[in-house]
């Protein structure tokens, strides 16, 4: 069992109070049964999360909507497990959804995992969304430094020259300066002709 699955199963076992339904969702190989949990009324959050996670890791796109909702949840462990499953889902809508969540100023407190997911996906939406999110975090007294730092690190990992300007601006922020220097060093210099 990998670390992400182990962490999720331990957390959800506690939430479910180790109910028989939990064990069934954890062990079933029936994707239709898992998908039904996502749409059936009255299902507890732990059951929906477990079903969505298992379907997402299996590449079953019926999990997409539930995983996107969990990616934007107030509980960081739910966001992390949703990001993990979305990265493995293979749904072409994932990057667009993650970019929308990362750049939504009304939900910026929950943008950390969408930002990290965008870096992992390396999709065309990734760099523009990270640049937009970082630009907004460079305002004076912005309280979302973890999101800003994730953007800086992510832009360095993506190595796209479009990020040079915003990373240069991040150098003026003491909490981001060291990471910005490392990120800028990872972006290849353009050859002069």
N, C-alpha and C. Protein backbone atom coordinates (compact mmCIF):
# COMPACT_ATOMS: atom_id res chain seq x y z
N UNK A 1 0.85 -1.18 0.00
CA UNK A 1 0.00 0.00 0.00
C UNK A 1 0.90 1.24 0.00
N UNK A 2 0.64 2.16 -0.93
CA UNK A 2 1.47 3.36 -0.99
C UNK A 2 1.06 4.34 0.12
N UNK A 3 1.91 5.32 0.34
CA UNK A 3 1.73 6.26 1.46
C UNK A 3 0.43 7.04 1.36
N UNK A 4 0.07 7.50 0.17
CA UNK A 4 -1.15 8.30 0.01
C UNK A 4 -2.39 7.45 0.36
N UNK A 5 -2.43 6.23 -0.12
CA UNK A 5 -3.56 5.35 0.18
C UNK A 5 -3.59 5.00 1.67
N UNK A 6 -2.45 4.73 2.25
CA UNK A 6 -2.39 4.40 3.68
C UNK A 6 -2.90 5.56 4.53
N UNK A 7 -2.45 6.76 4.23
CA UNK A 7 -2.88 7.94 4.97
C UNK A 7 -4.40 8.15 4.85
N UNK A 8 -4.91 8.02 3.63
CA UNK A 8 -6.34 8.18 3.40
C UNK A 8 -7.14 7.12 4.15
N UNK A 9 -6.73 5.87 4.05
CA UNK A 9 -7.50 4.80 4.67
C UNK A 9 -7.49 4.92 6.19
N UNK A 10 -6.38 5.30 6.79
CA UNK A 10 -6.35 5.50 8.25
C UNK A 10 -7.28 6.62 8.67
N UNK A 11 -7.24 7.72 7.96
CA UNK A 11 -8.09 8.87 8.31
C UNK A 11 -9.57 8.52 8.15
N UNK A 12 -9.92 7.89 7.03
CA UNK A 12 -11.33 7.59 6.78
C UNK A 12 -11.84 6.43 7.65
N UNK A 13 -10.97 5.53 8.05
CA UNK A 13 -11.37 4.46 8.98
C UNK A 13 -11.85 5.10 10.29
N UNK A 14 -11.12 6.10 10.76
CA UNK A 14 -11.52 6.80 11.99
C UNK A 14 -12.82 7.56 11.79
N UNK A 15 -12.94 8.27 10.67
CA UNK A 15 -14.16 9.03 10.40
C UNK A 15 -15.39 8.13 10.32
N UNK A 16 -15.22 6.96 9.76
CA UNK A 16 -16.35 6.04 9.57
C UNK A 16 -16.63 5.22 10.83
N UNK A 17 -15.78 5.37 11.83
CA UNK A 17 -15.87 4.55 13.04
C UNK A 17 -15.78 3.07 12.69
N UNK A 18 -14.94 2.80 11.68
CA UNK A 18 -14.65 1.43 11.24
C UNK A 18 -15.92 0.64 10.90
N UNK A 19 -16.83 1.31 10.21
CA UNK A 19 -18.12 0.69 9.86
C UNK A 19 -17.94 -0.39 8.79
N UNK A 20 -18.88 -1.32 8.70
CA UNK A 20 -18.81 -2.34 7.64
C UNK A 20 -18.84 -1.71 6.24
N UNK A 21 -19.56 -0.60 6.10
CA UNK A 21 -19.60 0.09 4.80
C UNK A 21 -18.23 0.57 4.38
N UNK A 22 -17.44 1.00 5.34
CA UNK A 22 -16.07 1.45 5.04
C UNK A 22 -15.27 0.30 4.44
N UNK A 23 -15.29 -0.84 5.12
CA UNK A 23 -14.52 -2.00 4.66
C UNK A 23 -14.97 -2.43 3.26
N UNK A 24 -16.26 -2.36 3.01
CA UNK A 24 -16.79 -2.74 1.70
C UNK A 24 -16.26 -1.80 0.61
N UNK A 25 -16.30 -0.49 0.87
CA UNK A 25 -15.82 0.46 -0.13
C UNK A 25 -14.31 0.35 -0.35
N UNK A 26 -13.62 -0.03 0.69
CA UNK A 26 -12.17 -0.16 0.59
C UNK A 26 -11.77 -1.38 -0.24
N UNK A 27 -12.57 -2.44 -0.19
CA UNK A 27 -12.15 -3.69 -0.82
C UNK A 27 -12.88 -4.04 -2.12
N UNK A 28 -14.00 -3.41 -2.40
CA UNK A 28 -14.75 -3.80 -3.59
C UNK A 28 -13.98 -3.50 -4.88
N UNK A 29 -14.16 -4.37 -5.83
CA UNK A 29 -13.58 -4.14 -7.15
C UNK A 29 -14.62 -3.66 -8.14
N UNK A 30 -15.83 -3.43 -7.67
CA UNK A 30 -16.95 -3.04 -8.51
C UNK A 30 -17.00 -1.51 -8.66
N UNK A 31 -16.57 -1.02 -9.79
CA UNK A 31 -16.55 0.43 -10.02
C UNK A 31 -17.96 1.02 -10.05
N UNK A 32 -18.93 0.26 -10.49
CA UNK A 32 -20.31 0.76 -10.50
C UNK A 32 -20.80 1.00 -9.06
N UNK A 33 -20.43 0.12 -8.17
CA UNK A 33 -20.80 0.29 -6.76
C UNK A 33 -20.16 1.55 -6.18
N UNK A 34 -18.89 1.77 -6.52
CA UNK A 34 -18.21 2.98 -6.05
C UNK A 34 -18.85 4.23 -6.64
N UNK A 35 -19.16 4.19 -7.93
CA UNK A 35 -19.77 5.36 -8.59
C UNK A 35 -21.14 5.66 -8.01
N UNK A 36 -21.87 4.64 -7.62
CA UNK A 36 -23.19 4.85 -7.04
C UNK A 36 -23.10 5.64 -5.73
N UNK A 37 -22.05 5.44 -4.97
CA UNK A 37 -21.85 6.17 -3.72
C UNK A 37 -21.73 7.67 -3.99
N UNK A 38 -21.19 8.02 -5.14
CA UNK A 38 -21.00 9.44 -5.47
C UNK A 38 -22.30 10.16 -5.76
N UNK A 39 -23.32 9.43 -6.16
CA UNK A 39 -24.58 10.07 -6.55
C UNK A 39 -25.75 9.74 -5.63
N UNK A 40 -25.62 8.73 -4.81
CA UNK A 40 -26.72 8.32 -3.92
C UNK A 40 -26.91 9.36 -2.82
N UNK A 41 -28.15 9.70 -2.50
CA UNK A 41 -28.40 10.67 -1.43
C UNK A 41 -28.02 10.09 -0.07
N UNK A 42 -27.64 10.98 0.83
CA UNK A 42 -27.40 10.60 2.22
C UNK A 42 -26.09 9.91 2.50
N UNK A 43 -25.18 9.86 1.54
CA UNK A 43 -23.89 9.22 1.76
C UNK A 43 -23.00 10.13 2.61
N UNK A 44 -22.30 9.60 3.59
CA UNK A 44 -21.39 10.44 4.39
C UNK A 44 -20.19 10.87 3.55
N UNK A 45 -19.59 11.97 3.97
CA UNK A 45 -18.45 12.51 3.23
C UNK A 45 -17.31 11.51 3.12
N UNK A 46 -17.03 10.76 4.18
CA UNK A 46 -15.93 9.79 4.13
C UNK A 46 -16.17 8.75 3.03
N UNK A 47 -17.44 8.35 2.85
CA UNK A 47 -17.75 7.34 1.83
C UNK A 47 -17.56 7.92 0.42
N UNK A 48 -18.03 9.14 0.23
CA UNK A 48 -17.85 9.78 -1.08
C UNK A 48 -16.36 9.97 -1.40
N UNK A 49 -15.60 10.39 -0.39
CA UNK A 49 -14.17 10.59 -0.62
C UNK A 49 -13.47 9.29 -0.96
N UNK A 50 -13.76 8.24 -0.23
CA UNK A 50 -13.12 6.95 -0.50
C UNK A 50 -13.49 6.43 -1.89
N UNK A 51 -14.77 6.53 -2.24
CA UNK A 51 -15.21 6.07 -3.56
C UNK A 51 -14.56 6.90 -4.67
N UNK A 52 -14.54 8.21 -4.52
CA UNK A 52 -13.94 9.08 -5.54
C UNK A 52 -12.44 8.82 -5.68
N UNK A 53 -11.76 8.66 -4.56
CA UNK A 53 -10.32 8.39 -4.58
C UNK A 53 -10.02 7.09 -5.32
N UNK A 54 -10.76 6.04 -4.97
CA UNK A 54 -10.51 4.74 -5.61
C UNK A 54 -10.82 4.79 -7.10
N UNK A 55 -11.91 5.44 -7.47
CA UNK A 55 -12.25 5.55 -8.90
C UNK A 55 -11.22 6.40 -9.63
N UNK A 56 -10.81 7.50 -9.01
CA UNK A 56 -9.83 8.38 -9.65
C UNK A 56 -8.52 7.68 -9.92
N UNK A 57 -8.04 6.95 -8.93
CA UNK A 57 -6.78 6.21 -9.13
C UNK A 57 -6.92 5.12 -10.17
N UNK A 58 -8.13 4.63 -10.37
CA UNK A 58 -8.37 3.59 -11.37
C UNK A 58 -8.61 4.19 -12.76
N UNK A 59 -8.63 5.53 -12.86
CA UNK A 59 -8.84 6.17 -14.15
C UNK A 59 -10.30 6.24 -14.57
N UNK A 60 -11.22 6.08 -13.65
CA UNK A 60 -12.65 6.12 -13.94
C UNK A 60 -13.13 7.58 -13.82
N UNK A 61 -13.48 8.15 -14.94
CA UNK A 61 -13.81 9.59 -14.98
C UNK A 61 -15.11 9.95 -14.28
N UNK A 62 -15.86 9.00 -13.83
CA UNK A 62 -17.06 9.31 -13.04
C UNK A 62 -16.68 9.98 -11.71
N UNK A 63 -15.44 9.89 -11.33
CA UNK A 63 -14.97 10.49 -10.08
C UNK A 63 -14.63 11.97 -10.22
N UNK A 64 -14.57 12.48 -11.44
CA UNK A 64 -14.04 13.82 -11.67
C UNK A 64 -14.71 14.90 -10.81
N UNK A 65 -16.04 15.02 -10.89
CA UNK A 65 -16.73 16.10 -10.19
C UNK A 65 -16.52 16.03 -8.68
N UNK A 66 -16.63 14.83 -8.13
CA UNK A 66 -16.43 14.67 -6.68
C UNK A 66 -15.01 15.03 -6.28
N UNK A 67 -14.04 14.63 -7.09
CA UNK A 67 -12.65 14.95 -6.76
C UNK A 67 -12.37 16.44 -6.84
N UNK A 68 -12.96 17.12 -7.80
CA UNK A 68 -12.77 18.58 -7.90
C UNK A 68 -13.38 19.27 -6.68
N UNK A 69 -14.54 18.82 -6.25
CA UNK A 69 -15.13 19.40 -5.04
C UNK A 69 -14.23 19.16 -3.83
N UNK A 70 -13.67 17.98 -3.73
CA UNK A 70 -12.77 17.68 -2.61
C UNK A 70 -11.45 18.44 -2.70
N UNK A 71 -11.01 18.73 -3.91
CA UNK A 71 -9.78 19.51 -4.10
C UNK A 71 -9.92 20.92 -3.53
N UNK A 72 -11.14 21.39 -3.43
CA UNK A 72 -11.42 22.74 -2.95
C UNK A 72 -12.04 22.71 -1.55
N UNK A 73 -11.83 21.64 -0.82
CA UNK A 73 -12.40 21.48 0.51
C UNK A 73 -11.58 22.25 1.55
N UNK A 74 -12.20 22.59 2.66
CA UNK A 74 -11.50 23.34 3.71
C UNK A 74 -10.52 22.48 4.50
N UNK A 75 -10.63 21.15 4.36
CA UNK A 75 -9.78 20.22 5.10
C UNK A 75 -8.59 19.81 4.23
N UNK A 76 -7.37 20.25 4.56
CA UNK A 76 -6.20 19.96 3.71
C UNK A 76 -5.97 18.49 3.38
N UNK A 77 -6.17 17.55 4.30
CA UNK A 77 -5.97 16.15 3.89
C UNK A 77 -6.93 15.70 2.79
N UNK A 78 -8.14 16.22 2.78
CA UNK A 78 -9.08 15.88 1.69
C UNK A 78 -8.58 16.46 0.38
N UNK A 79 -8.08 17.68 0.43
CA UNK A 79 -7.54 18.32 -0.78
C UNK A 79 -6.35 17.52 -1.32
N UNK A 80 -5.49 17.09 -0.42
CA UNK A 80 -4.30 16.34 -0.84
C UNK A 80 -4.67 15.01 -1.49
N UNK A 81 -5.62 14.29 -0.89
CA UNK A 81 -6.01 13.00 -1.49
C UNK A 81 -6.71 13.22 -2.83
N UNK A 82 -7.52 14.28 -2.94
CA UNK A 82 -8.18 14.57 -4.21
C UNK A 82 -7.16 14.92 -5.29
N UNK A 83 -6.16 15.73 -4.94
CA UNK A 83 -5.11 16.09 -5.91
C UNK A 83 -4.37 14.85 -6.38
N UNK A 84 -4.07 13.96 -5.46
CA UNK A 84 -3.37 12.72 -5.81
C UNK A 84 -4.20 11.91 -6.82
N UNK A 85 -5.48 11.75 -6.52
CA UNK A 85 -6.34 10.96 -7.41
C UNK A 85 -6.55 11.66 -8.75
N UNK A 86 -6.73 12.98 -8.73
CA UNK A 86 -6.91 13.72 -9.98
C UNK A 86 -5.68 13.63 -10.88
N UNK A 87 -4.52 13.63 -10.29
CA UNK A 87 -3.29 13.52 -11.09
C UNK A 87 -3.21 12.18 -11.82
N UNK A 88 -3.86 11.18 -11.27
CA UNK A 88 -3.82 9.85 -11.88
C UNK A 88 -5.06 9.54 -12.70
N UNK A 89 -6.06 10.39 -12.62
CA UNK A 89 -7.33 10.15 -13.30
C UNK A 89 -7.20 10.17 -14.82
N UNK A 90 -6.41 11.12 -15.33
CA UNK A 90 -6.25 11.21 -16.78
C UNK A 90 -7.40 11.91 -17.47
N UNK A 91 -8.15 12.73 -16.76
CA UNK A 91 -9.27 13.45 -17.36
C UNK A 91 -8.76 14.78 -17.92
N UNK A 92 -9.05 15.08 -19.19
CA UNK A 92 -8.54 16.32 -19.78
C UNK A 92 -9.09 17.58 -19.14
N UNK A 93 -10.15 17.49 -18.36
CA UNK A 93 -10.72 18.66 -17.69
C UNK A 93 -9.97 19.04 -16.42
N UNK A 94 -9.10 18.18 -15.95
CA UNK A 94 -8.47 18.38 -14.65
C UNK A 94 -7.65 19.66 -14.58
N UNK A 95 -6.82 19.92 -15.55
CA UNK A 95 -5.96 21.11 -15.48
C UNK A 95 -6.78 22.39 -15.49
N UNK A 96 -7.81 22.43 -16.30
CA UNK A 96 -8.66 23.62 -16.36
C UNK A 96 -9.35 23.84 -15.01
N UNK A 97 -9.84 22.77 -14.39
CA UNK A 97 -10.49 22.88 -13.08
C UNK A 97 -9.49 23.32 -12.01
N UNK A 98 -8.30 22.74 -12.02
CA UNK A 98 -7.28 23.12 -11.04
C UNK A 98 -6.87 24.58 -11.22
N UNK A 99 -6.75 25.02 -12.47
CA UNK A 99 -6.40 26.42 -12.73
C UNK A 99 -7.49 27.36 -12.23
N UNK A 100 -8.75 26.99 -12.43
CA UNK A 100 -9.86 27.82 -11.95
C UNK A 100 -9.83 27.92 -10.42
N UNK A 101 -9.55 26.81 -9.75
CA UNK A 101 -9.49 26.83 -8.29
C UNK A 101 -8.28 27.61 -7.78
N UNK A 102 -7.15 27.44 -8.44
CA UNK A 102 -5.93 28.14 -8.00
C UNK A 102 -6.05 29.65 -8.15
N UNK A 103 -6.77 30.10 -9.14
CA UNK A 103 -6.87 31.55 -9.41
C UNK A 103 -8.12 32.19 -8.83
N UNK A 104 -8.94 31.44 -8.12
CA UNK A 104 -10.16 31.97 -7.53
C UNK A 104 -9.82 32.71 -6.24
N UNK A 105 -9.85 34.02 -6.28
CA UNK A 105 -9.49 34.83 -5.11
C UNK A 105 -10.43 34.62 -3.93
N UNK A 106 -11.65 34.21 -4.17
CA UNK A 106 -12.57 33.97 -3.06
C UNK A 106 -12.22 32.70 -2.30
N UNK A 107 -11.44 31.82 -2.91
CA UNK A 107 -11.08 30.55 -2.29
C UNK A 107 -9.56 30.38 -2.18
N UNK A 108 -8.83 31.49 -2.17
CA UNK A 108 -7.37 31.41 -2.18
C UNK A 108 -6.81 30.67 -0.96
N UNK A 109 -7.52 30.67 0.14
CA UNK A 109 -7.05 29.95 1.32
C UNK A 109 -6.93 28.45 1.04
N UNK A 110 -7.62 27.96 0.02
CA UNK A 110 -7.62 26.54 -0.32
C UNK A 110 -6.89 26.27 -1.64
N UNK A 111 -6.06 27.18 -2.09
CA UNK A 111 -5.42 27.07 -3.41
C UNK A 111 -4.13 26.26 -3.40
N UNK A 112 -3.61 25.91 -2.25
CA UNK A 112 -2.31 25.23 -2.19
C UNK A 112 -2.30 23.93 -2.99
N UNK A 113 -3.27 23.09 -2.79
CA UNK A 113 -3.27 21.79 -3.50
C UNK A 113 -3.59 21.93 -4.98
N UNK A 114 -4.50 22.82 -5.39
CA UNK A 114 -4.64 23.04 -6.83
C UNK A 114 -3.35 23.53 -7.49
N UNK A 115 -2.60 24.39 -6.81
CA UNK A 115 -1.32 24.87 -7.34
C UNK A 115 -0.36 23.69 -7.51
N UNK A 116 -0.24 22.89 -6.49
CA UNK A 116 0.67 21.73 -6.56
C UNK A 116 0.24 20.75 -7.65
N UNK A 117 -1.07 20.57 -7.80
CA UNK A 117 -1.57 19.69 -8.85
C UNK A 117 -1.21 20.22 -10.23
N UNK A 118 -1.34 21.52 -10.43
CA UNK A 118 -0.97 22.12 -11.72
C UNK A 118 0.50 21.85 -12.06
N UNK A 119 1.36 21.92 -11.07
CA UNK A 119 2.77 21.65 -11.30
C UNK A 119 2.96 20.19 -11.71
N UNK A 120 2.28 19.30 -11.02
CA UNK A 120 2.41 17.88 -11.35
C UNK A 120 1.87 17.56 -12.74
N UNK A 121 0.78 18.23 -13.13
CA UNK A 121 0.17 17.96 -14.43
C UNK A 121 1.00 18.49 -15.60
N UNK A 122 1.72 19.60 -15.37
CA UNK A 122 2.53 20.22 -16.43
C UNK A 122 1.69 20.48 -17.68
N UNK A 123 0.49 20.94 -17.49
CA UNK A 123 -0.46 21.19 -18.58
C UNK A 123 -0.27 22.61 -19.13
N UNK A 124 -0.82 22.90 -20.30
CA UNK A 124 -0.71 24.26 -20.84
C UNK A 124 -1.28 25.32 -19.89
N UNK A 125 -2.26 24.96 -19.08
CA UNK A 125 -2.86 25.92 -18.14
C UNK A 125 -1.97 26.19 -16.93
N UNK A 126 -0.99 25.35 -16.68
CA UNK A 126 -0.23 25.42 -15.43
C UNK A 126 0.51 26.73 -15.24
N UNK A 127 1.37 27.09 -16.16
CA UNK A 127 2.20 28.29 -15.99
C UNK A 127 1.35 29.56 -15.92
N UNK A 128 0.40 29.81 -16.82
CA UNK A 128 -0.41 31.02 -16.70
C UNK A 128 -1.16 31.10 -15.37
N UNK A 129 -1.69 29.98 -14.89
CA UNK A 129 -2.43 29.99 -13.62
C UNK A 129 -1.49 30.28 -12.45
N UNK A 130 -0.32 29.69 -12.45
CA UNK A 130 0.64 29.94 -11.36
C UNK A 130 1.13 31.38 -11.39
N UNK A 131 1.36 31.93 -12.56
CA UNK A 131 1.78 33.32 -12.66
C UNK A 131 0.70 34.24 -12.11
N UNK A 132 -0.55 34.02 -12.50
CA UNK A 132 -1.67 34.85 -12.02
C UNK A 132 -1.79 34.76 -10.51
N UNK A 133 -1.74 33.55 -9.99
CA UNK A 133 -1.88 33.36 -8.55
C UNK A 133 -0.74 34.02 -7.80
N UNK A 134 0.48 33.87 -8.28
CA UNK A 134 1.64 34.48 -7.62
C UNK A 134 1.57 36.00 -7.68
N UNK A 135 1.20 36.55 -8.82
CA UNK A 135 1.08 38.02 -8.92
C UNK A 135 0.17 38.57 -7.84
N UNK A 136 -0.92 37.91 -7.60
CA UNK A 136 -1.88 38.36 -6.57
C UNK A 136 -1.32 38.20 -5.16
N UNK A 137 -0.43 37.27 -4.96
CA UNK A 137 0.16 37.04 -3.64
C UNK A 137 1.28 38.02 -3.32
N UNK A 138 1.71 38.79 -4.31
CA UNK A 138 2.81 39.73 -4.10
C UNK A 138 2.34 41.07 -3.56
N UNK A 139 1.06 41.18 -3.25
CA UNK A 139 0.53 42.41 -2.65
C UNK A 139 1.06 42.54 -1.22
N UNK A 140 1.20 43.77 -0.74
CA UNK A 140 1.66 43.95 0.64
C UNK A 140 0.72 43.26 1.64
N UNK A 141 1.31 42.61 2.62
CA UNK A 141 0.58 41.98 3.74
C UNK A 141 -0.34 40.84 3.31
N UNK A 142 -0.05 40.21 2.21
CA UNK A 142 -0.87 39.07 1.78
C UNK A 142 -0.65 37.91 2.76
N UNK A 143 -1.70 37.32 3.29
CA UNK A 143 -1.54 36.27 4.30
C UNK A 143 -1.31 34.86 3.74
N UNK A 144 -1.26 34.72 2.44
CA UNK A 144 -1.20 33.38 1.84
C UNK A 144 0.20 33.06 1.31
N UNK A 145 1.20 33.15 2.19
CA UNK A 145 2.59 32.92 1.79
C UNK A 145 2.84 31.48 1.35
N UNK A 146 2.15 30.51 1.95
CA UNK A 146 2.35 29.12 1.53
C UNK A 146 1.91 28.92 0.09
N UNK A 147 0.84 29.57 -0.31
CA UNK A 147 0.38 29.50 -1.69
C UNK A 147 1.41 30.17 -2.60
N UNK A 148 1.89 31.35 -2.18
CA UNK A 148 2.90 32.06 -2.98
C UNK A 148 4.16 31.23 -3.14
N UNK A 149 4.60 30.62 -2.05
CA UNK A 149 5.81 29.80 -2.11
C UNK A 149 5.61 28.59 -3.01
N UNK A 150 4.43 27.98 -2.96
CA UNK A 150 4.15 26.85 -3.85
C UNK A 150 4.18 27.29 -5.31
N UNK A 151 3.69 28.50 -5.59
CA UNK A 151 3.75 29.03 -6.96
C UNK A 151 5.19 29.25 -7.40
N UNK A 152 5.99 29.85 -6.53
CA UNK A 152 7.39 30.11 -6.86
C UNK A 152 8.11 28.79 -7.15
N UNK A 153 7.97 27.85 -6.23
CA UNK A 153 8.63 26.55 -6.42
C UNK A 153 8.12 25.86 -7.69
N UNK A 154 6.81 25.92 -7.90
CA UNK A 154 6.21 25.29 -9.07
C UNK A 154 6.69 25.90 -10.37
N UNK A 155 6.77 27.22 -10.40
CA UNK A 155 7.25 27.87 -11.63
C UNK A 155 8.70 27.50 -11.91
N UNK A 156 9.49 27.36 -10.86
CA UNK A 156 10.87 26.90 -11.06
C UNK A 156 10.90 25.48 -11.61
N UNK A 157 10.07 24.61 -11.06
CA UNK A 157 10.02 23.22 -11.52
C UNK A 157 9.56 23.13 -12.97
N UNK A 158 8.64 24.00 -13.36
CA UNK A 158 8.14 23.97 -14.73
C UNK A 158 9.15 24.57 -15.71
N UNK A 159 10.01 25.47 -15.23
CA UNK A 159 11.10 25.99 -16.04
C UNK A 159 10.70 26.77 -17.27
N UNK A 160 9.58 27.46 -17.21
CA UNK A 160 9.05 28.21 -18.36
C UNK A 160 9.52 29.66 -18.28
N UNK A 161 10.07 30.15 -19.37
CA UNK A 161 10.62 31.51 -19.40
C UNK A 161 9.56 32.58 -19.13
N UNK A 162 8.29 32.29 -19.35
CA UNK A 162 7.24 33.28 -19.08
C UNK A 162 7.19 33.66 -17.60
N UNK A 163 7.76 32.85 -16.74
CA UNK A 163 7.71 33.10 -15.30
C UNK A 163 8.81 34.04 -14.83
N UNK A 164 9.77 34.37 -15.67
CA UNK A 164 10.90 35.20 -15.23
C UNK A 164 10.47 36.52 -14.59
N UNK A 165 9.54 37.22 -15.21
CA UNK A 165 9.13 38.54 -14.70
C UNK A 165 8.56 38.43 -13.28
N UNK A 166 7.57 37.55 -13.08
CA UNK A 166 6.92 37.46 -11.77
C UNK A 166 7.88 36.90 -10.71
N UNK A 167 8.78 36.01 -11.11
CA UNK A 167 9.78 35.51 -10.16
C UNK A 167 10.76 36.62 -9.79
N UNK A 168 11.07 37.48 -10.74
CA UNK A 168 11.90 38.65 -10.44
C UNK A 168 11.23 39.57 -9.43
N UNK A 169 9.93 39.74 -9.57
CA UNK A 169 9.18 40.56 -8.61
C UNK A 169 9.14 39.90 -7.23
N UNK A 170 9.12 38.57 -7.20
CA UNK A 170 9.10 37.84 -5.92
C UNK A 170 10.40 38.02 -5.15
N UNK A 171 11.48 38.36 -5.84
CA UNK A 171 12.76 38.59 -5.16
C UNK A 171 12.67 39.71 -4.12
N UNK A 172 11.76 40.64 -4.31
CA UNK A 172 11.61 41.78 -3.39
C UNK A 172 10.88 41.40 -2.11
N UNK A 173 10.39 40.17 -2.01
CA UNK A 173 9.63 39.73 -0.83
C UNK A 173 10.51 38.78 -0.02
N UNK A 174 10.92 39.20 1.17
CA UNK A 174 11.86 38.38 1.95
C UNK A 174 11.43 36.94 2.15
N UNK A 175 10.15 36.67 2.31
CA UNK A 175 9.70 35.29 2.53
C UNK A 175 9.80 34.44 1.27
N UNK A 176 9.94 35.09 0.12
CA UNK A 176 9.96 34.37 -1.15
C UNK A 176 11.30 34.46 -1.88
N UNK A 177 12.16 35.36 -1.44
CA UNK A 177 13.37 35.68 -2.20
C UNK A 177 14.27 34.47 -2.45
N UNK A 178 14.54 33.70 -1.42
CA UNK A 178 15.44 32.55 -1.58
C UNK A 178 14.86 31.53 -2.56
N UNK A 179 13.57 31.25 -2.44
CA UNK A 179 12.92 30.32 -3.36
C UNK A 179 12.90 30.88 -4.77
N UNK A 180 12.71 32.19 -4.90
CA UNK A 180 12.68 32.81 -6.23
C UNK A 180 14.05 32.72 -6.91
N UNK A 181 15.12 32.88 -6.14
CA UNK A 181 16.47 32.74 -6.70
C UNK A 181 16.65 31.31 -7.25
N UNK A 182 16.23 30.32 -6.45
CA UNK A 182 16.35 28.92 -6.91
C UNK A 182 15.48 28.67 -8.14
N UNK A 183 14.27 29.23 -8.14
CA UNK A 183 13.37 29.02 -9.28
C UNK A 183 13.93 29.65 -10.55
N UNK A 184 14.44 30.86 -10.43
CA UNK A 184 15.02 31.54 -11.60
C UNK A 184 16.22 30.77 -12.14
N UNK A 185 16.99 30.16 -11.25
CA UNK A 185 18.16 29.39 -11.69
C UNK A 185 17.76 28.15 -12.49
N UNK A 186 16.54 27.69 -12.31
CA UNK A 186 16.07 26.49 -13.01
C UNK A 186 15.50 26.79 -14.40
N UNK A 187 15.28 28.07 -14.68
CA UNK A 187 14.72 28.44 -15.98
C UNK A 187 15.87 28.67 -16.95
N UNK A 188 15.91 27.93 -18.04
CA UNK A 188 17.01 28.07 -19.00
C UNK A 188 17.07 29.48 -19.58
N UNK A 189 18.27 29.96 -19.74
CA UNK A 189 18.48 31.27 -20.37
C UNK A 189 18.25 31.13 -21.87
N UNK A 190 17.65 32.15 -22.46
CA UNK A 190 17.43 32.13 -23.89
C UNK A 190 18.74 32.42 -24.61
N UNK A 191 18.96 31.71 -25.69
CA UNK A 191 20.19 31.90 -26.46
C UNK A 191 20.08 33.18 -27.28
N UNK A 192 21.13 33.96 -27.25
CA UNK A 192 21.15 35.19 -28.07
C UNK A 192 21.65 34.85 -29.46
N UNK A 193 21.06 35.50 -30.43
CA UNK A 193 21.44 35.25 -31.83
C UNK A 193 22.32 36.35 -32.35
